[in-house]
Amino acid sequence: ERFDHLQTSVRKFLKRRRDFIEKGRGLSQLCKSDGGVFSYELTKSKSGWHPHCHMVVMLDPENPIDFPFNIRPVLHKPDAWSKLSPQDKKNEKALWKKYTDAVQES
């Protein structure tokens, strides 16, 4: 089920790029790529299987992907998260919301 969802999402992602190139609609940051390769990977841990995708894309150095790397919040490990105060947790959640909103706008 999770792998099917991943495949569907990647297909949609790539279709949006093709639609932009062929029909001029659906601009995304991937539209800036000149080409690339991707592969699916399934890893197994104690909590189960984790399907994910690795991509390498060719970009024009003069037109890089506009991704907000500089505002990405810290990803806390569960033990560190449990030590945060309720206010700190609230602040961290707000930072992640700001970050995900910025990523979706890119």
PDB file of N, CA and C in Angstrom:
ATOM      1  N   GLU A   1       0.825  -1.195   0.000  1.00  0.00           N
ATOM      2  CA  GLU A   1       0.000   0.000   0.000  1.00  0.00           C
ATOM      3  C   GLU A   1       0.872   1.264   0.000  1.00  0.00           C
ATOM      4  N   ARG A   2       1.885   1.305   0.873  1.00  0.00           N
ATOM      5  CA  ARG A   2       2.748   2.493   0.939  1.00  0.00           C
ATOM      6  C   ARG A   2       3.583   2.642  -0.332  1.00  0.00           C
ATOM      7  N   PHE A   3       4.054   1.520  -0.882  1.00  0.00           N
ATOM      8  CA  PHE A   3       4.831   1.574  -2.113  1.00  0.00           C
ATOM      9  C   PHE A   3       3.959   2.036  -3.280  1.00  0.00           C
ATOM     10  N   ASP A   4       2.719   1.559  -3.348  1.00  0.00           N
ATOM     11  CA  ASP A   4       1.798   2.004  -4.397  1.00  0.00           C
ATOM     12  C   ASP A   4       1.570   3.511  -4.307  1.00  0.00           C
ATOM     13  N   HIS A   5       1.415   4.008  -3.094  1.00  0.00           N
ATOM     14  CA  HIS A   5       1.231   5.449  -2.899  1.00  0.00           C
ATOM     15  C   HIS A   5       2.465   6.213  -3.382  1.00  0.00           C
ATOM     16  N   LEU A   6       3.653   5.710  -3.059  1.00  0.00           N
ATOM     17  CA  LEU A   6       4.894   6.353  -3.491  1.00  0.00           C
ATOM     18  C   LEU A   6       4.974   6.379  -5.017  1.00  0.00           C
ATOM     19  N   GLN A   7       4.701   5.253  -5.658  1.00  0.00           N
ATOM     20  CA  GLN A   7       4.759   5.186  -7.121  1.00  0.00           C
ATOM     21  C   GLN A   7       3.766   6.172  -7.754  1.00  0.00           C
ATOM     22  N   THR A   8       2.561   6.222  -7.227  1.00  0.00           N
ATOM     23  CA  THR A   8       1.551   7.143  -7.742  1.00  0.00           C
ATOM     24  C   THR A   8       2.021   8.587  -7.598  1.00  0.00           C
ATOM     25  N   SER A   9       2.612   8.916  -6.468  1.00  0.00           N
ATOM     26  CA  SER A   9       3.096  10.278  -6.226  1.00  0.00           C
ATOM     27  C   SER A   9       4.230  10.651  -7.174  1.00  0.00           C
ATOM     28  N   VAL A  10       5.167   9.737  -7.393  1.00  0.00           N
ATOM     29  CA  VAL A  10       6.294  10.013  -8.291  1.00  0.00           C
ATOM     30  C   VAL A  10       5.786  10.170  -9.716  1.00  0.00           C
ATOM     31  N   ARG A  11       4.870   9.305 -10.138  1.00  0.00           N
ATOM     32  CA  ARG A  11       4.296   9.432 -11.490  1.00  0.00           C
ATOM     33  C   ARG A  11       3.634  10.792 -11.678  1.00  0.00           C
ATOM     34  N   LYS A  12       2.873  11.230 -10.677  1.00  0.00           N
ATOM     35  CA  LYS A  12       2.194  12.525 -10.751  1.00  0.00           C
ATOM     36  C   LYS A  12       3.220  13.658 -10.810  1.00  0.00           C
ATOM     37  N   PHE A  13       4.260  13.556 -10.022  1.00  0.00           N
ATOM     38  CA  PHE A  13       5.336  14.543  -9.990  1.00  0.00           C
ATOM     39  C   PHE A  13       5.983  14.676 -11.374  1.00  0.00           C
ATOM     40  N   LEU A  14       6.296  13.537 -11.991  1.00  0.00           N
ATOM     41  CA  LEU A  14       6.928  13.539 -13.307  1.00  0.00           C
ATOM     42  C   LEU A  14       5.954  13.993 -14.398  1.00  0.00           C
ATOM     43  N   LYS A  15       4.679  13.627 -14.265  1.00  0.00           N
ATOM     44  CA  LYS A  15       3.673  14.044 -15.236  1.00  0.00           C
ATOM     45  C   LYS A  15       3.518  15.562 -15.224  1.00  0.00           C
ATOM     46  N   ARG A  16       3.580  16.168 -14.052  1.00  0.00           N
ATOM     47  CA  ARG A  16       3.468  17.632 -13.981  1.00  0.00           C
ATOM     48  C   ARG A  16       4.621  18.291 -14.741  1.00  0.00           C
ATOM     49  N   ARG A  17       5.810  17.719 -14.639  1.00  0.00           N
ATOM     50  CA  ARG A  17       6.951  18.262 -15.385  1.00  0.00           C
ATOM     51  C   ARG A  17       6.708  18.129 -16.887  1.00  0.00           C
ATOM     52  N   ARG A  18       6.252  16.935 -17.324  1.00  0.00           N
ATOM     53  CA  ARG A  18       5.969  16.726 -18.750  1.00  0.00           C
ATOM     54  C   ARG A  18       4.869  17.677 -19.238  1.00  0.00           C
ATOM     55  N   ASP A  19       3.818  17.859 -18.431  1.00  0.00           N
ATOM     56  CA  ASP A  19       2.733  18.772 -18.810  1.00  0.00           C
ATOM     57  C   ASP A  19       3.243  20.197 -18.981  1.00  0.00           C
ATOM     58  N   PHE A  20       4.175  20.608 -18.133  1.00  0.00           N
ATOM     59  CA  PHE A  20       4.724  21.956 -18.265  1.00  0.00           C
ATOM     60  C   PHE A  20       5.538  22.070 -19.552  1.00  0.00           C
ATOM     61  N   ILE A  21       6.362  21.074 -19.818  1.00  0.00           N
ATOM     62  CA  ILE A  21       7.213  21.107 -21.014  1.00  0.00           C
ATOM     63  C   ILE A  21       6.362  21.049 -22.280  1.00  0.00           C
ATOM     64  N   GLU A  22       5.355  20.177 -22.305  1.00  0.00           N
ATOM     65  CA  GLU A  22       4.548  19.976 -23.510  1.00  0.00           C
ATOM     66  C   GLU A  22       3.420  20.994 -23.660  1.00  0.00           C
ATOM     67  N   LYS A  23       2.802  21.410 -22.550  1.00  0.00           N
ATOM     68  CA  LYS A  23       1.595  22.236 -22.632  1.00  0.00           C
ATOM     69  C   LYS A  23       1.727  23.585 -21.935  1.00  0.00           C
ATOM     70  N   GLY A  24       2.859  23.806 -21.231  1.00  0.00           N
ATOM     71  CA  GLY A  24       3.076  25.080 -20.575  1.00  0.00           C
ATOM     72  C   GLY A  24       2.258  25.303 -19.321  1.00  0.00           C
ATOM     73  N   ARG A  25       1.835  24.228 -18.664  1.00  0.00           N
ATOM     74  CA  ARG A  25       1.051  24.402 -17.435  1.00  0.00           C
ATOM     75  C   ARG A  25       1.618  23.526 -16.323  1.00  0.00           C
ATOM     76  N   GLY A  26       1.386  23.947 -15.069  1.00  0.00           N
ATOM     77  CA  GLY A  26       1.817  23.149 -13.929  1.00  0.00           C
ATOM     78  C   GLY A  26       3.264  23.350 -13.534  1.00  0.00           C
ATOM     79  N   LEU A  27       3.735  24.592 -13.535  1.00  0.00           N
ATOM     80  CA  LEU A  27       5.132  24.874 -13.189  1.00  0.00           C
ATOM     81  C   LEU A  27       5.470  24.381 -11.782  1.00  0.00           C
ATOM     82  N   SER A  28       6.577  23.666 -11.663  1.00  0.00           N
ATOM     83  CA  SER A  28       7.118  23.252 -10.370  1.00  0.00           C
ATOM     84  C   SER A  28       8.635  23.387 -10.446  1.00  0.00           C
ATOM     85  N   GLN A  29       9.291  23.222  -9.327  1.00  0.00           N
ATOM     86  CA  GLN A  29      10.750  23.330  -9.311  1.00  0.00           C
ATOM     87  C   GLN A  29      11.399  22.237 -10.168  1.00  0.00           C
ATOM     88  N   LEU A  30      10.757  21.073 -10.280  1.00  0.00           N
ATOM     89  CA  LEU A  30      11.311  19.996 -11.107  1.00  0.00           C
ATOM     90  C   LEU A  30      11.346  20.396 -12.583  1.00  0.00           C
ATOM     91  N   CYS A  31      10.508  21.343 -12.989  1.00  0.00           N
ATOM     92  CA  CYS A  31      10.487  21.797 -14.379  1.00  0.00           C
ATOM     93  C   CYS A  31      11.809  22.438 -14.780  1.00  0.00           C
ATOM     94  N   LYS A  32      12.604  22.863 -13.812  1.00  0.00           N
ATOM     95  CA  LYS A  32      13.900  23.468 -14.098  1.00  0.00           C
ATOM     96  C   LYS A  32      14.951  22.431 -14.482  1.00  0.00           C
ATOM     97  N   SER A  33      14.657  21.158 -14.285  1.00  0.00           N
ATOM     98  CA  SER A  33      15.649  20.124 -14.571  1.00  0.00           C
ATOM     99  C   SER A  33      15.726  19.836 -16.066  1.00  0.00           C
ATOM    100  N   ASP A  34      16.930  19.491 -16.511  1.00  0.00           N
ATOM    101  CA  ASP A  34      17.144  19.120 -17.908  1.00  0.00           C
ATOM    102  C   ASP A  34      17.025  17.610 -18.096  1.00  0.00           C
ATOM    103  N   GLY A  35      17.000  16.872 -17.016  1.00  0.00           N
ATOM    104  CA  GLY A  35      16.907  15.414 -17.072  1.00  0.00           C
ATOM    105  C   GLY A  35      17.335  14.843 -15.739  1.00  0.00           C
ATOM    106  N   GLY A  36      17.318  13.548 -15.636  1.00  0.00           N
ATOM    107  CA  GLY A  36      17.729  12.925 -14.389  1.00  0.00           C
ATOM    108  C   GLY A  36      17.384  11.457 -14.342  1.00  0.00           C
ATOM    109  N   VAL A  37      17.661  10.866 -13.221  1.00  0.00           N
ATOM    110  CA  VAL A  37      17.347   9.458 -12.983  1.00  0.00           C
ATOM    111  C   VAL A  37      16.766   9.329 -11.582  1.00  0.00           C
ATOM    112  N   PHE A  38      16.003   8.260 -11.371  1.00  0.00           N
ATOM    113  CA  PHE A  38      15.492   7.997 -10.031  1.00  0.00           C
ATOM    114  C   PHE A  38      15.373   6.500  -9.834  1.00  0.00           C
ATOM    115  N   SER A  39      15.330   6.121  -8.582  1.00  0.00           N
ATOM    116  CA  SER A  39      15.109   4.713  -8.255  1.00  0.00           C
ATOM    117  C   SER A  39      14.322   4.639  -6.955  1.00  0.00           C
ATOM    118  N   TYR A  40      13.607   3.548  -6.817  1.00  0.00           N
ATOM    119  CA  TYR A  40      12.884   3.294  -5.575  1.00  0.00           C
ATOM    120  C   TYR A  40      13.756   2.438  -4.678  1.00  0.00           C
ATOM    121  N   GLU A  41      13.616   2.638  -3.395  1.00  0.00           N
ATOM    122  CA  GLU A  41      14.340   1.807  -2.428  1.00  0.00           C
ATOM    123  C   GLU A  41      13.385   1.446  -1.299  1.00  0.00           C
ATOM    124  N   LEU A  42      13.491   0.218  -0.853  1.00  0.00           N
ATOM    125  CA  LEU A  42      12.719  -0.259   0.295  1.00  0.00           C
ATOM    126  C   LEU A  42      13.709  -0.653   1.376  1.00  0.00           C
ATOM    127  N   THR A  43      13.593  -0.039   2.531  1.00  0.00           N
ATOM    128  CA  THR A  43      14.453  -0.408   3.652  1.00  0.00           C
ATOM    129  C   THR A  43      13.581  -0.994   4.755  1.00  0.00           C
ATOM    130  N   LYS A  44      14.164  -1.921   5.491  1.00  0.00           N
ATOM    131  CA  LYS A  44      13.429  -2.571   6.575  1.00  0.00           C
ATOM    132  C   LYS A  44      14.078  -2.214   7.898  1.00  0.00           C
ATOM    133  N   SER A  45      13.238  -1.841   8.845  1.00  0.00           N
ATOM    134  CA  SER A  45      13.713  -1.547  10.191  1.00  0.00           C
ATOM    135  C   SER A  45      12.846  -2.315  11.181  1.00  0.00           C
ATOM    136  N   LYS A  46      13.074  -2.079  12.452  1.00  0.00           N
ATOM    137  CA  LYS A  46      12.279  -2.750  13.480  1.00  0.00           C
ATOM    138  C   LYS A  46      10.798  -2.417  13.358  1.00  0.00           C
ATOM    139  N   SER A  47      10.499  -1.191  12.896  1.00  0.00           N
ATOM    140  CA  SER A  47       9.106  -0.765  12.810  1.00  0.00           C
ATOM    141  C   SER A  47       8.442  -1.110  11.477  1.00  0.00           C
ATOM    142  N   GLY A  48       9.160  -1.757  10.565  1.00  0.00           N
ATOM    143  CA  GLY A  48       8.562  -2.187   9.300  1.00  0.00           C
ATOM    144  C   GLY A  48       9.315  -1.656   8.096  1.00  0.00           C
ATOM    145  N   TRP A  49       8.661  -1.744   6.957  1.00  0.00           N
ATOM    146  CA  TRP A  49       9.261  -1.334   5.692  1.00  0.00           C
ATOM    147  C   TRP A  49       9.083   0.162   5.455  1.00  0.00           C
ATOM    148  N   HIS A  50      10.099   0.758   4.808  1.00  0.00           N
ATOM    149  CA  HIS A  50      10.067   2.188   4.496  1.00  0.00           C
ATOM    150  C   HIS A  50      10.406   2.368   3.011  1.00  0.00           C
ATOM    151  N   PRO A  51       9.375   2.542   2.162  1.00  0.00           N
ATOM    152  CA  PRO A  51       9.660   2.802   0.744  1.00  0.00           C
ATOM    153  C   PRO A  51       9.983   4.283   0.538  1.00  0.00           C
ATOM    154  N   HIS A  52      10.963   4.565  -0.293  1.00  0.00           N
ATOM    155  CA  HIS A  52      11.304   5.942  -0.614  1.00  0.00           C
ATOM    156  C   HIS A  52      11.967   5.992  -1.982  1.00  0.00           C
ATOM    157  N   CYS A  53      12.186   7.198  -2.458  1.00  0.00           N
ATOM    158  CA  CYS A  53      12.707   7.409  -3.803  1.00  0.00           C
ATOM    159  C   CYS A  53      13.969   8.271  -3.728  1.00  0.00           C
ATOM    160  N   HIS A  54      14.957   7.913  -4.524  1.00  0.00           N
ATOM    161  CA  HIS A  54      16.164   8.728  -4.663  1.00  0.00           C
ATOM    162  C   HIS A  54      16.148   9.307  -6.071  1.00  0.00           C
ATOM    163  N   MET A  55      16.437  10.606  -6.189  1.00  0.00           N
ATOM    164  CA  MET A  55      16.488  11.262  -7.494  1.00  0.00           C
ATOM    165  C   MET A  55      17.774  12.057  -7.626  1.00  0.00           C
ATOM    166  N   VAL A  56      18.309  12.031  -8.831  1.00  0.00           N
ATOM    167  CA  VAL A  56      19.430  12.890  -9.198  1.00  0.00           C
ATOM    168  C   VAL A  56      18.977  13.614 -10.456  1.00  0.00           C
ATOM    169  N   VAL A  57      19.011  14.942 -10.426  1.00  0.00           N
ATOM    170  CA  VAL A  57      18.567  15.715 -11.583  1.00  0.00           C
ATOM    171  C   VAL A  57      19.686  16.609 -12.091  1.00  0.00           C
ATOM    172  N   MET A  58      19.678  16.839 -13.395  1.00  0.00           N
ATOM    173  CA  MET A  58      20.646  17.747 -14.013  1.00  0.00           C
ATOM    174  C   MET A  58      20.018  19.134 -14.059  1.00  0.00           C
ATOM    175  N   LEU A  59      20.747  20.118 -13.562  1.00  0.00           N
ATOM    176  CA  LEU A  59      20.248  21.487 -13.522  1.00  0.00           C
ATOM    177  C   LEU A  59      21.226  22.430 -14.198  1.00  0.00           C
ATOM    178  N   ASP A  60      20.695  23.518 -14.701  1.00  0.00           N
ATOM    179  CA  ASP A  60      21.513  24.604 -15.196  1.00  0.00           C
ATOM    180  C   ASP A  60      22.012  25.366 -13.969  1.00  0.00           C
ATOM    181  N   PRO A  61      23.324  25.513 -13.790  1.00  0.00           N
ATOM    182  CA  PRO A  61      23.836  26.224 -12.614  1.00  0.00           C
ATOM    183  C   PRO A  61      23.315  27.654 -12.502  1.00  0.00           C
ATOM    184  N   GLU A  62      22.893  28.233 -13.629  1.00  0.00           N
ATOM    185  CA  GLU A  62      22.364  29.595 -13.623  1.00  0.00           C
ATOM    186  C   GLU A  62      20.897  29.641 -13.177  1.00  0.00           C
ATOM    187  N   ASN A  63      20.251  28.478 -13.072  1.00  0.00           N
ATOM    188  CA  ASN A  63      18.831  28.427 -12.707  1.00  0.00           C
ATOM    189  C   ASN A  63      18.599  27.297 -11.697  1.00  0.00           C
ATOM    190  N   PRO A  64      19.148  27.415 -10.486  1.00  0.00           N
ATOM    191  CA  PRO A  64      19.035  26.329  -9.517  1.00  0.00           C
ATOM    192  C   PRO A  64      17.612  26.196  -8.954  1.00  0.00           C
ATOM    193  N   ILE A  65      17.353  25.056  -8.373  1.00  0.00           N
ATOM    194  CA  ILE A  65      16.068  24.833  -7.716  1.00  0.00           C
ATOM    195  C   ILE A  65      15.992  25.754  -6.505  1.00  0.00           C
ATOM    196  N   ASP A  66      14.867  26.418  -6.366  1.00  0.00           N
ATOM    197  CA  ASP A  66      14.649  27.366  -5.278  1.00  0.00           C
ATOM    198  C   ASP A  66      14.010  26.616  -4.120  1.00  0.00           C
ATOM    199  N   PHE A  67      14.827  26.084  -3.244  1.00  0.00           N
ATOM    200  CA  PHE A  67      14.355  25.283  -2.120  1.00  0.00           C
ATOM    201  C   PHE A  67      14.863  25.921  -0.843  1.00  0.00           C
ATOM    202  N   PRO A  68      14.008  26.138   0.142  1.00  0.00           N
ATOM    203  CA  PRO A  68      14.420  26.885   1.344  1.00  0.00           C
ATOM    204  C   PRO A  68      15.276  26.073   2.326  1.00  0.00           C
ATOM    205  N   PHE A  69      16.490  25.687   1.887  1.00  0.00           N
ATOM    206  CA  PHE A  69      17.367  24.917   2.763  1.00  0.00           C
ATOM    207  C   PHE A  69      17.743  25.688   4.024  1.00  0.00           C
ATOM    208  N   ASN A  70      17.823  27.010   3.911  1.00  0.00           N
ATOM    209  CA  ASN A  70      18.317  27.819   5.023  1.00  0.00           C
ATOM    210  C   ASN A  70      17.340  27.955   6.185  1.00  0.00           C
ATOM    211  N   ILE A  71      16.081  27.566   6.002  1.00  0.00           N
ATOM    212  CA  ILE A  71      15.125  27.712   7.108  1.00  0.00           C
ATOM    213  C   ILE A  71      14.647  26.357   7.639  1.00  0.00           C
ATOM    214  N   ARG A  72      15.284  25.263   7.224  1.00  0.00           N
ATOM    215  CA  ARG A  72      14.829  23.939   7.668  1.00  0.00           C
ATOM    216  C   ARG A  72      15.074  23.785   9.166  1.00  0.00           C
ATOM    217  N   PRO A  73      14.015  23.500   9.935  1.00  0.00           N
ATOM    218  CA  PRO A  73      14.179  23.318  11.378  1.00  0.00           C
ATOM    219  C   PRO A  73      14.935  22.029  11.710  1.00  0.00           C
ATOM    220  N   VAL A  74      15.346  21.936  12.948  1.00  0.00           N
ATOM    221  CA  VAL A  74      16.057  20.754  13.432  1.00  0.00           C
ATOM    222  C   VAL A  74      15.068  19.604  13.593  1.00  0.00           C
ATOM    223  N   LEU A  75      15.464  18.423  13.169  1.00  0.00           N
ATOM    224  CA  LEU A  75      14.642  17.241  13.383  1.00  0.00           C
ATOM    225  C   LEU A  75      15.114  16.588  14.682  1.00  0.00           C
ATOM    226  N   HIS A  76      14.281  16.661  15.699  1.00  0.00           N
ATOM    227  CA  HIS A  76      14.643  16.140  17.016  1.00  0.00           C
ATOM    228  C   HIS A  76      14.418  14.635  17.095  1.00  0.00           C
ATOM    229  N   LYS A  77      15.340  13.936  17.704  1.00  0.00           N
ATOM    230  CA  LYS A  77      15.142  12.509  18.000  1.00  0.00           C
ATOM    231  C   LYS A  77      14.085  12.419  19.097  1.00  0.00           C
ATOM    232  N   PRO A  78      13.359  11.281  19.182  1.00  0.00           N
ATOM    233  CA  PRO A  78      12.284  11.166  20.170  1.00  0.00           C
ATOM    234  C   PRO A  78      12.706  11.473  21.606  1.00  0.00           C
ATOM    235  N   ASP A  79      13.899  11.022  22.012  1.00  0.00           N
ATOM    236  CA  ASP A  79      14.321  11.290  23.389  1.00  0.00           C
ATOM    237  C   ASP A  79      14.578  12.787  23.615  1.00  0.00           C
ATOM    238  N   ALA A  80      15.116  13.480  22.604  1.00  0.00           N
ATOM    239  CA  ALA A  80      15.345  14.921  22.730  1.00  0.00           C
ATOM    240  C   ALA A  80      14.014  15.675  22.702  1.00  0.00           C
ATOM    241  N   TRP A  81      13.092  15.214  21.873  1.00  0.00           N
ATOM    242  CA  TRP A  81      11.778  15.852  21.777  1.00  0.00           C
ATOM    243  C   TRP A  81      11.041  15.778  23.117  1.00  0.00           C
ATOM    244  N   SER A  82      11.141  14.630  23.765  1.00  0.00           N
ATOM    245  CA  SER A  82      10.421  14.448  25.033  1.00  0.00           C
ATOM    246  C   SER A  82      10.950  15.374  26.129  1.00  0.00           C
ATOM    247  N   LYS A  83      12.175  15.879  25.979  1.00  0.00           N
ATOM    248  CA  LYS A  83      12.760  16.767  26.982  1.00  0.00           C
ATOM    249  C   LYS A  83      12.414  18.241  26.755  1.00  0.00           C
ATOM    250  N   LEU A  84      11.801  18.548  25.610  1.00  0.00           N
ATOM    251  CA  LEU A  84      11.432  19.940  25.340  1.00  0.00           C
ATOM    252  C   LEU A  84      10.224  20.344  26.171  1.00  0.00           C
ATOM    253  N   SER A  85      10.162  21.620  26.523  1.00  0.00           N
ATOM    254  CA  SER A  85       9.004  22.140  27.260  1.00  0.00           C
ATOM    255  C   SER A  85       7.814  22.216  26.301  1.00  0.00           C
ATOM    256  N   PRO A  86       6.603  22.278  26.838  1.00  0.00           N
ATOM    257  CA  PRO A  86       5.438  22.417  25.953  1.00  0.00           C
ATOM    258  C   PRO A  86       5.528  23.633  25.026  1.00  0.00           C
ATOM    259  N   GLN A  87       6.049  24.745  25.541  1.00  0.00           N
ATOM    260  CA  GLN A  87       6.187  25.939  24.691  1.00  0.00           C
ATOM    261  C   GLN A  87       7.215  25.717  23.588  1.00  0.00           C
ATOM    262  N   ASP A  88       8.332  25.054  23.922  1.00  0.00           N
ATOM    263  CA  ASP A  88       9.347  24.765  22.905  1.00  0.00           C
ATOM    264  C   ASP A  88       8.780  23.847  21.825  1.00  0.00           C
ATOM    265  N   LYS A  89       7.984  22.859  22.225  1.00  0.00           N
ATOM    266  CA  LYS A  89       7.357  21.964  21.248  1.00  0.00           C
ATOM    267  C   LYS A  89       6.416  22.749  20.335  1.00  0.00           C
ATOM    268  N   LYS A  90       5.660  23.661  20.918  1.00  0.00           N
ATOM    269  CA  LYS A  90       4.741  24.492  20.139  1.00  0.00           C
ATOM    270  C   LYS A  90       5.521  25.335  19.125  1.00  0.00           C
ATOM    271  N   ASN A  91       6.633  25.919  19.582  1.00  0.00           N
ATOM    272  CA  ASN A  91       7.473  26.729  18.692  1.00  0.00           C
ATOM    273  C   ASN A  91       8.062  25.882  17.559  1.00  0.00           C
ATOM    274  N   GLU A  92       8.526  24.687  17.889  1.00  0.00           N
ATOM    275  CA  GLU A  92       9.098  23.794  16.879  1.00  0.00           C
ATOM    276  C   GLU A  92       8.049  23.402  15.840  1.00  0.00           C
ATOM    277  N   LYS A  93       6.842  23.111  16.294  1.00  0.00           N
ATOM    278  CA  LYS A  93       5.766  22.755  15.368  1.00  0.00           C
ATOM    279  C   LYS A  93       5.440  23.928  14.446  1.00  0.00           C
ATOM    280  N   ALA A  94       5.473  25.138  14.977  1.00  0.00           N
ATOM    281  CA  ALA A  94       5.219  26.330  14.155  1.00  0.00           C
ATOM    282  C   ALA A  94       6.324  26.508  13.106  1.00  0.00           C
ATOM    283  N   LEU A  95       7.583  26.253  13.491  1.00  0.00           N
ATOM    284  CA  LEU A  95       8.691  26.342  12.533  1.00  0.00           C
ATOM    285  C   LEU A  95       8.524  25.330  11.408  1.00  0.00           C
ATOM    286  N   TRP A  96       8.134  24.100  11.758  1.00  0.00           N
ATOM    287  CA  TRP A  96       7.942  23.064  10.739  1.00  0.00           C
ATOM    288  C   TRP A  96       6.794  23.437   9.812  1.00  0.00           C
ATOM    289  N   LYS A  97       5.730  24.037  10.352  1.00  0.00           N
ATOM    290  CA  LYS A  97       4.608  24.456   9.503  1.00  0.00           C
ATOM    291  C   LYS A  97       5.078  25.537   8.534  1.00  0.00           C
ATOM    292  N   LYS A  98       5.832  26.508   9.031  1.00  0.00           N
ATOM    293  CA  LYS A  98       6.361  27.573   8.172  1.00  0.00           C
ATOM    294  C   LYS A  98       7.240  26.974   7.064  1.00  0.00           C
ATOM    295  N   TYR A  99       8.072  26.019   7.446  1.00  0.00           N
ATOM    296  CA  TYR A  99       8.979  25.378   6.493  1.00  0.00           C
ATOM    297  C   TYR A  99       8.199  24.601   5.429  1.00  0.00           C
ATOM    298  N   THR A 100       7.252  23.773   5.843  1.00  0.00           N
ATOM    299  CA  THR A 100       6.497  22.975   4.868  1.00  0.00           C
ATOM    300  C   THR A 100       5.662  23.864   3.947  1.00  0.00           C
ATOM    301  N   ASP A 101       5.132  24.961   4.489  1.00  0.00           N
ATOM    302  CA  ASP A 101       4.394  25.906   3.638  1.00  0.00           C
ATOM    303  C   ASP A 101       5.323  26.518   2.590  1.00  0.00           C
ATOM    304  N   ALA A 102       6.542  26.871   2.992  1.00  0.00           N
ATOM    305  CA  ALA A 102       7.514  27.453   2.056  1.00  0.00           C
ATOM    306  C   ALA A 102       7.913  26.443   0.992  1.00  0.00           C
ATOM    307  N   VAL A 103       8.081  25.192   1.378  1.00  0.00           N
ATOM    308  CA  VAL A 103       8.461  24.150   0.422  1.00  0.00           C
ATOM    309  C   VAL A 103       7.341  23.948  -0.600  1.00  0.00           C
ATOM    310  N   GLN A 104       6.102  23.936  -0.134  1.00  0.00           N
ATOM    311  CA  GLN A 104       4.968  23.726  -1.048  1.00  0.00           C
ATOM    312  C   GLN A 104       4.788  24.885  -2.015  1.00  0.00           C
ATOM    313  N   GLU A 105       5.193  26.082  -1.617  1.00  0.00           N
ATOM    314  CA  GLU A 105       5.099  27.231  -2.510  1.00  0.00           C
ATOM    315  C   GLU A 105       6.199  27.221  -3.553  1.00  0.00           C
ATOM    316  N   SER A 106       7.300  26.516  -3.284  1.00  0.00           N
ATOM    317  CA  SER A 106       8.440  26.490  -4.218  1.00  0.00           C
ATOM    318  C   SER A 106       8.109  25.784  -5.507  1.00  0.00           C
TER     319      SER A 106
END
